């Protein structure tokens, strides 16, 4: 009786099922080994922060030009969301740089 189980395949299946359970529709970020496509996730995150900042800027511009459909509350909320997203991104960047430096300082 052969009980060889490919652990990588089981982990990959578990990650896909976890993503599906969380409602993630786009499973393209999970590679063949079950890990996340880091560069893809990073690019999507940066684009999301950029989109948030662009939307905030657009709302500010519309408010300044007198658009009655945009309230000052909408502008403040969009601005704060963009600020929080940017702050979070810079925190993650700092942690990634620190982790990279620690890995580079490890002895082989």
PDB file of N, CA and C in Angstrom:
ATOM      1  N   UNK A   1       0.843  -1.175   0.000  1.00  0.00           N
ATOM      2  CA  UNK A   1       0.000   0.000   0.000  1.00  0.00           C
ATOM      3  C   UNK A   1       0.893   1.245   0.000  1.00  0.00           C
ATOM      4  N   UNK A   2       0.672   2.133  -0.930  1.00  0.00           N
ATOM      5  CA  UNK A   2       1.505   3.318  -1.093  1.00  0.00           C
ATOM      6  C   UNK A   2       0.782   4.528  -0.516  1.00  0.00           C
ATOM      7  N   UNK A   3       1.327   5.109   0.542  1.00  0.00           N
ATOM      8  CA  UNK A   3       0.716   6.255   1.213  1.00  0.00           C
ATOM      9  C   UNK A   3       1.460   7.548   0.936  1.00  0.00           C
ATOM     10  N   UNK A   4       2.100   7.655  -0.198  1.00  0.00           N
ATOM     11  CA  UNK A   4       2.809   8.889  -0.537  1.00  0.00           C
ATOM     12  C   UNK A   4       1.799   9.978  -0.868  1.00  0.00           C
ATOM     13  N   UNK A   5       1.824  11.037  -0.087  1.00  0.00           N
ATOM     14  CA  UNK A   5       0.930  12.173  -0.304  1.00  0.00           C
ATOM     15  C   UNK A   5       1.798  13.367  -0.648  1.00  0.00           C
ATOM     16  N   UNK A   6       1.457  14.028  -1.725  1.00  0.00           N
ATOM     17  CA  UNK A   6       2.189  15.229  -2.109  1.00  0.00           C
ATOM     18  C   UNK A   6       1.674  16.389  -1.258  1.00  0.00           C
ATOM     19  N   UNK A   7       2.472  16.801  -0.306  1.00  0.00           N
ATOM     20  CA  UNK A   7       2.082  17.843   0.633  1.00  0.00           C
ATOM     21  C   UNK A   7       1.822  19.162  -0.084  1.00  0.00           C
ATOM     22  N   UNK A   8       2.629  19.463  -1.095  1.00  0.00           N
ATOM     23  CA  UNK A   8       2.442  20.718  -1.831  1.00  0.00           C
ATOM     24  C   UNK A   8       1.077  20.764  -2.504  1.00  0.00           C
ATOM     25  N   UNK A   9       0.641  19.649  -3.049  1.00  0.00           N
ATOM     26  CA  UNK A   9      -0.663  19.613  -3.709  1.00  0.00           C
ATOM     27  C   UNK A   9      -1.787  19.781  -2.699  1.00  0.00           C
ATOM     28  N   UNK A  10      -1.651  19.138  -1.555  1.00  0.00           N
ATOM     29  CA  UNK A  10      -2.674  19.268  -0.518  1.00  0.00           C
ATOM     30  C   UNK A  10      -2.746  20.710  -0.031  1.00  0.00           C
ATOM     31  N   UNK A  11      -1.593  21.327   0.197  1.00  0.00           N
ATOM     32  CA  UNK A  11      -1.573  22.730   0.630  1.00  0.00           C
ATOM     33  C   UNK A  11      -2.167  23.649  -0.427  1.00  0.00           C
ATOM     34  N   UNK A  12      -1.871  23.372  -1.680  1.00  0.00           N
ATOM     35  CA  UNK A  12      -2.423  24.182  -2.766  1.00  0.00           C
ATOM     36  C   UNK A  12      -3.943  24.070  -2.791  1.00  0.00           C
ATOM     37  N   UNK A  13      -4.443  22.873  -2.624  1.00  0.00           N
ATOM     38  CA  UNK A  13      -5.893  22.686  -2.607  1.00  0.00           C
ATOM     39  C   UNK A  13      -6.520  23.398  -1.417  1.00  0.00           C
ATOM     40  N   UNK A  14      -5.839  23.326  -0.273  1.00  0.00           N
ATOM     41  CA  UNK A  14      -6.359  24.003   0.915  1.00  0.00           C
ATOM     42  C   UNK A  14      -6.386  25.512   0.718  1.00  0.00           C
ATOM     43  N   UNK A  15      -5.364  26.063   0.068  1.00  0.00           N
ATOM     44  CA  UNK A  15      -5.334  27.507  -0.179  1.00  0.00           C
ATOM     45  C   UNK A  15      -6.446  27.933  -1.130  1.00  0.00           C
ATOM     46  N   UNK A  16      -6.679  27.135  -2.154  1.00  0.00           N
ATOM     47  CA  UNK A  16      -7.745  27.453  -3.102  1.00  0.00           C
ATOM     48  C   UNK A  16      -9.093  27.394  -2.408  1.00  0.00           C
ATOM     49  N   UNK A  17      -9.310  26.362  -1.597  1.00  0.00           N
ATOM     50  CA  UNK A  17     -10.569  26.239  -0.872  1.00  0.00           C
ATOM     51  C   UNK A  17     -10.752  27.384   0.125  1.00  0.00           C
ATOM     52  N   UNK A  18      -9.668  27.784   0.770  1.00  0.00           N
ATOM     53  CA  UNK A  18      -9.739  28.908   1.703  1.00  0.00           C
ATOM     54  C   UNK A  18     -10.099  30.188   0.966  1.00  0.00           C
ATOM     55  N   UNK A  19      -9.480  30.396  -0.186  1.00  0.00           N
ATOM     56  CA  UNK A  19      -9.784  31.589  -0.984  1.00  0.00           C
ATOM     57  C   UNK A  19     -11.236  31.573  -1.432  1.00  0.00           C
ATOM     58  N   UNK A  20     -11.725  30.413  -1.835  1.00  0.00           N
ATOM     59  CA  UNK A  20     -13.122  30.310  -2.260  1.00  0.00           C
ATOM     60  C   UNK A  20     -14.062  30.558  -1.093  1.00  0.00           C
ATOM     61  N   UNK A  21     -13.704  30.050   0.081  1.00  0.00           N
ATOM     62  CA  UNK A  21     -14.549  30.245   1.255  1.00  0.00           C
ATOM     63  C   UNK A  21     -14.615  31.708   1.660  1.00  0.00           C
ATOM     64  N   UNK A  22     -13.534  32.434   1.418  1.00  0.00           N
ATOM     65  CA  UNK A  22     -13.503  33.858   1.744  1.00  0.00           C
ATOM     66  C   UNK A  22     -14.173  34.693   0.665  1.00  0.00           C
ATOM     67  N   UNK A  23     -14.593  34.060  -0.408  1.00  0.00           N
ATOM     68  CA  UNK A  23     -15.290  34.772  -1.467  1.00  0.00           C
ATOM     69  C   UNK A  23     -14.377  35.375  -2.509  1.00  0.00           C
ATOM     70  N   UNK A  24     -13.124  34.939  -2.568  1.00  0.00           N
ATOM     71  CA  UNK A  24     -12.197  35.452  -3.564  1.00  0.00           C
ATOM     72  C   UNK A  24     -12.564  34.850  -4.906  1.00  0.00           C
ATOM     73  N   UNK A  25     -12.961  35.692  -5.826  1.00  0.00           N
ATOM     74  CA  UNK A  25     -13.369  35.206  -7.137  1.00  0.00           C
ATOM     75  C   UNK A  25     -12.185  34.961  -8.057  1.00  0.00           C
ATOM     76  N   UNK A  26     -11.154  35.790  -7.904  1.00  0.00           N
ATOM     77  CA  UNK A  26      -9.995  35.726  -8.790  1.00  0.00           C
ATOM     78  C   UNK A  26      -8.917  34.886  -8.126  1.00  0.00           C
ATOM     79  N   UNK A  27      -8.797  33.628  -8.530  1.00  0.00           N
ATOM     80  CA  UNK A  27      -7.781  32.742  -7.954  1.00  0.00           C
ATOM     81  C   UNK A  27      -6.505  32.769  -8.781  1.00  0.00           C
ATOM     82  N   UNK A  28      -6.327  33.767  -9.627  1.00  0.00           N
ATOM     83  CA  UNK A  28      -5.144  33.839 -10.487  1.00  0.00           C
ATOM     84  C   UNK A  28      -3.889  34.190  -9.700  1.00  0.00           C
ATOM     85  N   UNK A  29      -4.043  34.646  -8.461  1.00  0.00           N
ATOM     86  CA  UNK A  29      -2.874  34.979  -7.649  1.00  0.00           C
ATOM     87  C   UNK A  29      -2.252  33.764  -6.992  1.00  0.00           C
ATOM     88  N   UNK A  30      -2.852  32.593  -7.158  1.00  0.00           N
ATOM     89  CA  UNK A  30      -2.324  31.384  -6.548  1.00  0.00           C
ATOM     90  C   UNK A  30      -1.599  30.601  -7.620  1.00  0.00           C
ATOM     91  N   UNK A  31      -0.296  30.381  -7.394  1.00  0.00           N
ATOM     92  CA  UNK A  31       0.499  29.692  -8.403  1.00  0.00           C
ATOM     93  C   UNK A  31       0.361  28.180  -8.253  1.00  0.00           C
ATOM     94  N   UNK A  32       1.090  27.436  -9.073  1.00  0.00           N
ATOM     95  CA  UNK A  32       0.965  25.991  -9.111  1.00  0.00           C
ATOM     96  C   UNK A  32       1.323  25.334  -7.788  1.00  0.00           C
ATOM     97  N   UNK A  33       2.218  25.926  -7.026  1.00  0.00           N
ATOM     98  CA  UNK A  33       2.617  25.357  -5.750  1.00  0.00           C
ATOM     99  C   UNK A  33       1.690  25.802  -4.627  1.00  0.00           C
ATOM    100  N   UNK A  34       0.714  26.637  -4.926  1.00  0.00           N
ATOM    101  CA  UNK A  34      -0.230  27.066  -3.913  1.00  0.00           C
ATOM    102  C   UNK A  34       0.121  28.384  -3.274  1.00  0.00           C
ATOM    103  N   UNK A  35       1.254  28.946  -3.598  1.00  0.00           N
ATOM    104  CA  UNK A  35       1.653  30.224  -3.023  1.00  0.00           C
ATOM    105  C   UNK A  35       1.062  31.381  -3.801  1.00  0.00           C
ATOM    106  N   UNK A  36       1.101  32.522  -3.191  1.00  0.00           N
ATOM    107  CA  UNK A  36       0.578  33.710  -3.864  1.00  0.00           C
ATOM    108  C   UNK A  36       1.631  34.269  -4.809  1.00  0.00           C
ATOM    109  N   UNK A  37       1.183  34.805  -5.916  1.00  0.00           N
ATOM    110  CA  UNK A  37       2.062  35.473  -6.866  1.00  0.00           C
ATOM    111  C   UNK A  37       2.391  36.835  -6.267  1.00  0.00           C
ATOM    112  N   UNK A  38       3.569  36.926  -5.649  1.00  0.00           N
ATOM    113  CA  UNK A  38       3.923  38.109  -4.874  1.00  0.00           C
ATOM    114  C   UNK A  38       3.940  39.368  -5.725  1.00  0.00           C
ATOM    115  N   UNK A  39       4.566  39.300  -6.886  1.00  0.00           N
ATOM    116  CA  UNK A  39       4.654  40.501  -7.717  1.00  0.00           C
ATOM    117  C   UNK A  39       3.272  40.941  -8.187  1.00  0.00           C
ATOM    118  N   UNK A  40       2.408  39.986  -8.472  1.00  0.00           N
ATOM    119  CA  UNK A  40       1.046  40.325  -8.878  1.00  0.00           C
ATOM    120  C   UNK A  40       0.256  40.975  -7.758  1.00  0.00           C
ATOM    121  N   UNK A  41       0.386  40.410  -6.556  1.00  0.00           N
ATOM    122  CA  UNK A  41      -0.299  40.996  -5.402  1.00  0.00           C
ATOM    123  C   UNK A  41       0.223  42.395  -5.101  1.00  0.00           C
ATOM    124  N   UNK A  42       1.535  42.561  -5.194  1.00  0.00           N
ATOM    125  CA  UNK A  42       2.133  43.868  -4.928  1.00  0.00           C
ATOM    126  C   UNK A  42       1.662  44.903  -5.948  1.00  0.00           C
ATOM    127  N   UNK A  43       1.656  44.511  -7.210  1.00  0.00           N
ATOM    128  CA  UNK A  43       1.205  45.435  -8.261  1.00  0.00           C
ATOM    129  C   UNK A  43      -0.265  45.810  -8.073  1.00  0.00           C
ATOM    130  N   UNK A  44      -1.099  44.837  -7.729  1.00  0.00           N
ATOM    131  CA  UNK A  44      -2.519  45.125  -7.510  1.00  0.00           C
ATOM    132  C   UNK A  44      -2.706  46.066  -6.326  1.00  0.00           C
ATOM    133  N   UNK A  45      -1.919  45.855  -5.277  1.00  0.00           N
ATOM    134  CA  UNK A  45      -2.019  46.706  -4.097  1.00  0.00           C
ATOM    135  C   UNK A  45      -1.611  48.141  -4.418  1.00  0.00           C
ATOM    136  N   UNK A  46      -0.522  48.288  -5.132  1.00  0.00           N
ATOM    137  CA  UNK A  46      -0.063  49.629  -5.505  1.00  0.00           C
ATOM    138  C   UNK A  46      -1.083  50.305  -6.407  1.00  0.00           C
ATOM    139  N   UNK A  47      -1.640  49.562  -7.346  1.00  0.00           N
ATOM    140  CA  UNK A  47      -2.664  50.128  -8.232  1.00  0.00           C
ATOM    141  C   UNK A  47      -3.913  50.536  -7.456  1.00  0.00           C
ATOM    142  N   UNK A  48      -4.284  49.736  -6.433  1.00  0.00           N
ATOM    143  CA  UNK A  48      -5.455  50.078  -5.630  1.00  0.00           C
ATOM    144  C   UNK A  48      -5.219  51.373  -4.849  1.00  0.00           C
ATOM    145  N   UNK A  49      -4.022  51.543  -4.311  1.00  0.00           N
ATOM    146  CA  UNK A  49      -3.695  52.778  -3.595  1.00  0.00           C
ATOM    147  C   UNK A  49      -3.717  53.958  -4.562  1.00  0.00           C
ATOM    148  N   UNK A  50      -3.147  53.770  -5.737  1.00  0.00           N
ATOM    149  CA  UNK A  50      -3.150  54.832  -6.745  1.00  0.00           C
ATOM    150  C   UNK A  50      -4.574  55.194  -7.161  1.00  0.00           C
ATOM    151  N   UNK A  51      -5.417  54.182  -7.365  1.00  0.00           N
ATOM    152  CA  UNK A  51      -6.805  54.443  -7.737  1.00  0.00           C
ATOM    153  C   UNK A  51      -7.531  55.229  -6.641  1.00  0.00           C
ATOM    154  N   UNK A  52      -7.254  54.875  -5.386  1.00  0.00           N
ATOM    155  CA  UNK A  52      -7.872  55.575  -4.267  1.00  0.00           C
ATOM    156  C   UNK A  52      -7.448  57.040  -4.239  1.00  0.00           C
ATOM    157  N   UNK A  53      -6.164  57.293  -4.489  1.00  0.00           N
ATOM    158  CA  UNK A  53      -5.679  58.671  -4.508  1.00  0.00           C
ATOM    159  C   UNK A  53      -6.249  59.444  -5.699  1.00  0.00           C
ATOM    160  N   UNK A  54      -6.356  58.789  -6.839  1.00  0.00           N
ATOM    161  CA  UNK A  54      -6.936  59.443  -8.021  1.00  0.00           C
ATOM    162  C   UNK A  54      -8.402  59.796  -7.777  1.00  0.00           C
ATOM    163  N   UNK A  55      -9.156  58.859  -7.182  1.00  0.00           N
ATOM    164  CA  UNK A  55     -10.573  59.117  -6.906  1.00  0.00           C
ATOM    165  C   UNK A  55     -10.729  60.268  -5.926  1.00  0.00           C
ATOM    166  N   UNK A  56      -9.859  60.313  -4.916  1.00  0.00           N
ATOM    167  CA  UNK A  56      -9.900  61.408  -3.953  1.00  0.00           C
ATOM    168  C   UNK A  56      -9.616  62.741  -4.636  1.00  0.00           C
ATOM    169  N   UNK A  57      -8.607  62.754  -5.491  1.00  0.00           N
ATOM    170  CA  UNK A  57      -8.276  63.977  -6.223  1.00  0.00           C
ATOM    171  C   UNK A  57      -9.401  64.435  -7.135  1.00  0.00           C
ATOM    172  N   UNK A  58     -10.044  63.466  -7.789  1.00  0.00           N
ATOM    173  CA  UNK A  58     -11.165  63.808  -8.667  1.00  0.00           C
ATOM    174  C   UNK A  58     -12.331  64.411  -7.884  1.00  0.00           C
ATOM    175  N   UNK A  59     -12.628  63.808  -6.711  1.00  0.00           N
ATOM    176  CA  UNK A  59     -13.709  64.359  -5.886  1.00  0.00           C
ATOM    177  C   UNK A  59     -13.375  65.766  -5.415  1.00  0.00           C
ATOM    178  N   UNK A  60     -12.137  65.987  -5.017  1.00  0.00           N
ATOM    179  CA  UNK A  60     -11.721  67.329  -4.582  1.00  0.00           C
ATOM    180  C   UNK A  60     -11.897  68.332  -5.710  1.00  0.00           C
ATOM    181  N   UNK A  61     -11.473  67.932  -6.900  1.00  0.00           N
ATOM    182  CA  UNK A  61     -11.582  68.835  -8.050  1.00  0.00           C
ATOM    183  C   UNK A  61     -13.040  69.148  -8.361  1.00  0.00           C
ATOM    184  N   UNK A  62     -13.893  68.115  -8.324  1.00  0.00           N
ATOM    185  CA  UNK A  62     -15.317  68.335  -8.604  1.00  0.00           C
ATOM    186  C   UNK A  62     -15.951  69.241  -7.558  1.00  0.00           C
ATOM    187  N   UNK A  63     -15.574  69.048  -6.292  1.00  0.00           N
ATOM    188  CA  UNK A  63     -16.105  69.896  -5.218  1.00  0.00           C
ATOM    189  C   UNK A  63     -15.651  71.335  -5.397  1.00  0.00           C
ATOM    190  N   UNK A  64     -14.370  71.512  -5.726  1.00  0.00           N
ATOM    191  CA  UNK A  64     -13.834  72.862  -5.928  1.00  0.00           C
ATOM    192  C   UNK A  64     -14.489  73.571  -7.108  1.00  0.00           C
ATOM    193  N   UNK A  65     -14.909  72.806  -8.099  1.00  0.00           N
ATOM    194  CA  UNK A  65     -15.542  73.404  -9.277  1.00  0.00           C
ATOM    195  C   UNK A  65     -17.037  73.626  -9.074  1.00  0.00           C
ATOM    196  N   UNK A  66     -17.554  73.269  -7.888  1.00  0.00           N
ATOM    197  CA  UNK A  66     -18.946  73.567  -7.576  1.00  0.00           C
ATOM    198  C   UNK A  66     -19.935  72.479  -7.930  1.00  0.00           C
ATOM    199  N   UNK A  67     -19.483  71.266  -8.105  1.00  0.00           N
ATOM    200  CA  UNK A  67     -20.388  70.158  -8.409  1.00  0.00           C
ATOM    201  C   UNK A  67     -21.284  69.911  -7.196  1.00  0.00           C
ATOM    202  N   UNK A  68     -22.591  70.077  -7.378  1.00  0.00           N
ATOM    203  CA  UNK A  68     -23.541  69.952  -6.271  1.00  0.00           C
ATOM    204  C   UNK A  68     -23.739  68.509  -5.816  1.00  0.00           C
ATOM    205  N   UNK A  69     -23.336  67.536  -6.629  1.00  0.00           N
ATOM    206  CA  UNK A  69     -23.516  66.131  -6.259  1.00  0.00           C
ATOM    207  C   UNK A  69     -22.413  65.628  -5.332  1.00  0.00           C
ATOM    208  N   UNK A  70     -21.390  66.458  -5.095  1.00  0.00           N
ATOM    209  CA  UNK A  70     -20.276  66.073  -4.225  1.00  0.00           C
ATOM    210  C   UNK A  70     -20.312  66.940  -2.976  1.00  0.00           C
ATOM    211  N   UNK A  71     -20.388  66.279  -1.826  1.00  0.00           N
ATOM    212  CA  UNK A  71     -20.402  67.033  -0.567  1.00  0.00           C
ATOM    213  C   UNK A  71     -19.005  67.045   0.035  1.00  0.00           C
ATOM    214  N   UNK A  72     -18.811  67.947   0.967  1.00  0.00           N
ATOM    215  CA  UNK A  72     -17.525  68.045   1.647  1.00  0.00           C
ATOM    216  C   UNK A  72     -17.254  66.772   2.452  1.00  0.00           C
ATOM    217  N   UNK A  73     -18.305  66.113   2.913  1.00  0.00           N
ATOM    218  CA  UNK A  73     -18.149  64.854   3.645  1.00  0.00           C
ATOM    219  C   UNK A  73     -17.586  63.778   2.716  1.00  0.00           C
ATOM    220  N   UNK A  74     -18.109  63.724   1.489  1.00  0.00           N
ATOM    221  CA  UNK A  74     -17.591  62.755   0.511  1.00  0.00           C
ATOM    222  C   UNK A  74     -16.107  62.998   0.250  1.00  0.00           C
ATOM    223  N   UNK A  75     -15.737  64.245   0.120  1.00  0.00           N
ATOM    224  CA  UNK A  75     -14.344  64.600  -0.140  1.00  0.00           C
ATOM    225  C   UNK A  75     -13.467  64.204   1.046  1.00  0.00           C
ATOM    226  N   UNK A  76     -13.938  64.488   2.255  1.00  0.00           N
ATOM    227  CA  UNK A  76     -13.154  64.163   3.448  1.00  0.00           C
ATOM    228  C   UNK A  76     -12.982  62.651   3.607  1.00  0.00           C
ATOM    229  N   UNK A  77     -14.035  61.899   3.360  1.00  0.00           N
ATOM    230  CA  UNK A  77     -13.956  60.442   3.488  1.00  0.00           C
ATOM    231  C   UNK A  77     -13.016  59.859   2.443  1.00  0.00           C
ATOM    232  N   UNK A  78     -13.146  60.302   1.210  1.00  0.00           N
ATOM    233  CA  UNK A  78     -12.266  59.791   0.155  1.00  0.00           C
ATOM    234  C   UNK A  78     -10.813  60.151   0.427  1.00  0.00           C
ATOM    235  N   UNK A  79     -10.587  61.361   0.922  1.00  0.00           N
ATOM    236  CA  UNK A  79      -9.232  61.791   1.241  1.00  0.00           C
ATOM    237  C   UNK A  79      -8.633  60.953   2.360  1.00  0.00           C
ATOM    238  N   UNK A  80      -9.427  60.677   3.379  1.00  0.00           N
ATOM    239  CA  UNK A  80      -8.928  59.880   4.505  1.00  0.00           C
ATOM    240  C   UNK A  80      -8.676  58.427   4.087  1.00  0.00           C
ATOM    241  N   UNK A  81      -9.543  57.876   3.244  1.00  0.00           N
ATOM    242  CA  UNK A  81      -9.319  56.514   2.735  1.00  0.00           C
ATOM    243  C   UNK A  81      -8.008  56.439   1.960  1.00  0.00           C
ATOM    244  N   UNK A  82      -7.768  57.433   1.118  1.00  0.00           N
ATOM    245  CA  UNK A  82      -6.531  57.465   0.340  1.00  0.00           C
ATOM    246  C   UNK A  82      -5.322  57.597   1.256  1.00  0.00           C
ATOM    247  N   UNK A  83      -5.448  58.420   2.276  1.00  0.00           N
ATOM    248  CA  UNK A  83      -4.352  58.612   3.236  1.00  0.00           C
ATOM    249  C   UNK A  83      -4.053  57.322   3.991  1.00  0.00           C
ATOM    250  N   UNK A  84      -5.085  56.633   4.448  1.00  0.00           N
ATOM    251  CA  UNK A  84      -4.898  55.377   5.182  1.00  0.00           C
ATOM    252  C   UNK A  84      -4.274  54.319   4.279  1.00  0.00           C
ATOM    253  N   UNK A  85      -4.740  54.235   3.043  1.00  0.00           N
ATOM    254  CA  UNK A  85      -4.192  53.253   2.105  1.00  0.00           C
ATOM    255  C   UNK A  85      -2.719  53.521   1.830  1.00  0.00           C
ATOM    256  N   UNK A  86      -2.362  54.790   1.655  1.00  0.00           N
ATOM    257  CA  UNK A  86      -0.967  55.136   1.396  1.00  0.00           C
ATOM    258  C   UNK A  86      -0.097  54.846   2.614  1.00  0.00           C
ATOM    259  N   UNK A  87      -0.596  55.175   3.796  1.00  0.00           N
ATOM    260  CA  UNK A  87       0.155  54.907   5.026  1.00  0.00           C
ATOM    261  C   UNK A  87       0.375  53.405   5.205  1.00  0.00           C
ATOM    262  N   UNK A  88      -0.660  52.624   4.960  1.00  0.00           N
ATOM    263  CA  UNK A  88      -0.531  51.174   5.074  1.00  0.00           C
ATOM    264  C   UNK A  88       0.486  50.639   4.074  1.00  0.00           C
ATOM    265  N   UNK A  89       0.454  51.166   2.849  1.00  0.00           N
ATOM    266  CA  UNK A  89       1.401  50.716   1.832  1.00  0.00           C
ATOM    267  C   UNK A  89       2.834  51.044   2.240  1.00  0.00           C
ATOM    268  N   UNK A  90       3.063  52.218   2.793  1.00  0.00           N
ATOM    269  CA  UNK A  90       4.425  52.566   3.199  1.00  0.00           C
ATOM    270  C   UNK A  90       4.878  51.723   4.394  1.00  0.00           C
ATOM    271  N   UNK A  91       3.957  51.360   5.278  1.00  0.00           N
ATOM    272  CA  UNK A  91       4.296  50.477   6.395  1.00  0.00           C
ATOM    273  C   UNK A  91       4.695  49.092   5.874  1.00  0.00           C
ATOM    274  N   UNK A  92       3.942  48.583   4.934  1.00  0.00           N
ATOM    275  CA  UNK A  92       4.259  47.273   4.352  1.00  0.00           C
ATOM    276  C   UNK A  92       5.605  47.337   3.643  1.00  0.00           C
ATOM    277  N   UNK A  93       5.850  48.408   2.917  1.00  0.00           N
ATOM    278  CA  UNK A  93       7.131  48.564   2.238  1.00  0.00           C
ATOM    279  C   UNK A  93       8.280  48.543   3.241  1.00  0.00           C
ATOM    280  N   UNK A  94       8.101  49.254   4.347  1.00  0.00           N
ATOM    281  CA  UNK A  94       9.132  49.287   5.373  1.00  0.00           C
ATOM    282  C   UNK A  94       9.402  47.906   5.957  1.00  0.00           C
ATOM    283  N   UNK A  95       8.348  47.148   6.186  1.00  0.00           N
ATOM    284  CA  UNK A  95       8.513  45.793   6.724  1.00  0.00           C
ATOM    285  C   UNK A  95       9.170  44.875   5.699  1.00  0.00           C
ATOM    286  N   UNK A  96       8.837  45.047   4.424  1.00  0.00           N
ATOM    287  CA  UNK A  96       9.470  44.233   3.378  1.00  0.00           C
ATOM    288  C   UNK A  96      10.957  44.544   3.273  1.00  0.00           C
ATOM    289  N   UNK A  97      11.318  45.813   3.348  1.00  0.00           N
ATOM    290  CA  UNK A  97      12.724  46.196   3.290  1.00  0.00           C
ATOM    291  C   UNK A  97      13.471  45.622   4.484  1.00  0.00           C
ATOM    292  N   UNK A  98      12.871  45.703   5.670  1.00  0.00           N
ATOM    293  CA  UNK A  98      13.497  45.156   6.868  1.00  0.00           C
ATOM    294  C   UNK A  98      13.688  43.642   6.747  1.00  0.00           C
ATOM    295  N   UNK A  99      12.665  42.944   6.249  1.00  0.00           N
ATOM    296  CA  UNK A  99      12.769  41.490   6.080  1.00  0.00           C
ATOM    297  C   UNK A  99      13.845  41.147   5.056  1.00  0.00           C
ATOM    298  N   UNK A 100      13.914  41.918   3.979  1.00  0.00           N
ATOM    299  CA  UNK A 100      14.946  41.690   2.958  1.00  0.00           C
ATOM    300  C   UNK A 100      16.339  41.876   3.557  1.00  0.00           C
ATOM    301  N   UNK A 101      16.499  42.929   4.349  1.00  0.00           N
ATOM    302  CA  UNK A 101      17.806  43.186   4.975  1.00  0.00           C
ATOM    303  C   UNK A 101      18.189  42.055   5.936  1.00  0.00           C
ATOM    304  N   UNK A 102      17.221  41.538   6.668  1.00  0.00           N
ATOM    305  CA  UNK A 102      17.494  40.430   7.585  1.00  0.00           C
ATOM    306  C   UNK A 102      17.900  39.180   6.828  1.00  0.00           C
ATOM    307  N   UNK A 103      17.230  38.913   5.714  1.00  0.00           N
ATOM    308  CA  UNK A 103      17.576  37.739   4.909  1.00  0.00           C
ATOM    309  C   UNK A 103      18.968  37.907   4.326  1.00  0.00           C
ATOM    310  N   UNK A 104      19.300  39.092   3.861  1.00  0.00           N
ATOM    311  CA  UNK A 104      20.613  39.327   3.271  1.00  0.00           C
ATOM    312  C   UNK A 104      21.735  39.240   4.316  1.00  0.00           C
ATOM    313  N   UNK A 105      21.423  39.515   5.567  1.00  0.00           N
ATOM    314  CA  UNK A 105      22.428  39.449   6.624  1.00  0.00           C
ATOM    315  C   UNK A 105      22.589  38.061   7.224  1.00  0.00           C
ATOM    316  N   UNK A 106      21.737  37.119   6.810  1.00  0.00           N
ATOM    317  CA  UNK A 106      21.840  35.760   7.335  1.00  0.00           C
ATOM    318  C   UNK A 106      23.105  35.089   6.800  1.00  0.00           C
ATOM    319  N   UNK A 107      23.722  34.313   7.677  1.00  0.00           N
ATOM    320  CA  UNK A 107      24.899  33.581   7.228  1.00  0.00           C
ATOM    321  C   UNK A 107      24.453  32.254   6.621  1.00  0.00           C
ATOM    322  N   UNK A 108      25.194  31.822   5.609  1.00  0.00           N
ATOM    323  CA  UNK A 108      24.825  30.607   4.896  1.00  0.00           C
ATOM    324  C   UNK A 108      25.400  29.398   5.526  1.00  0.00           C
TER     325      UNK A 108
END
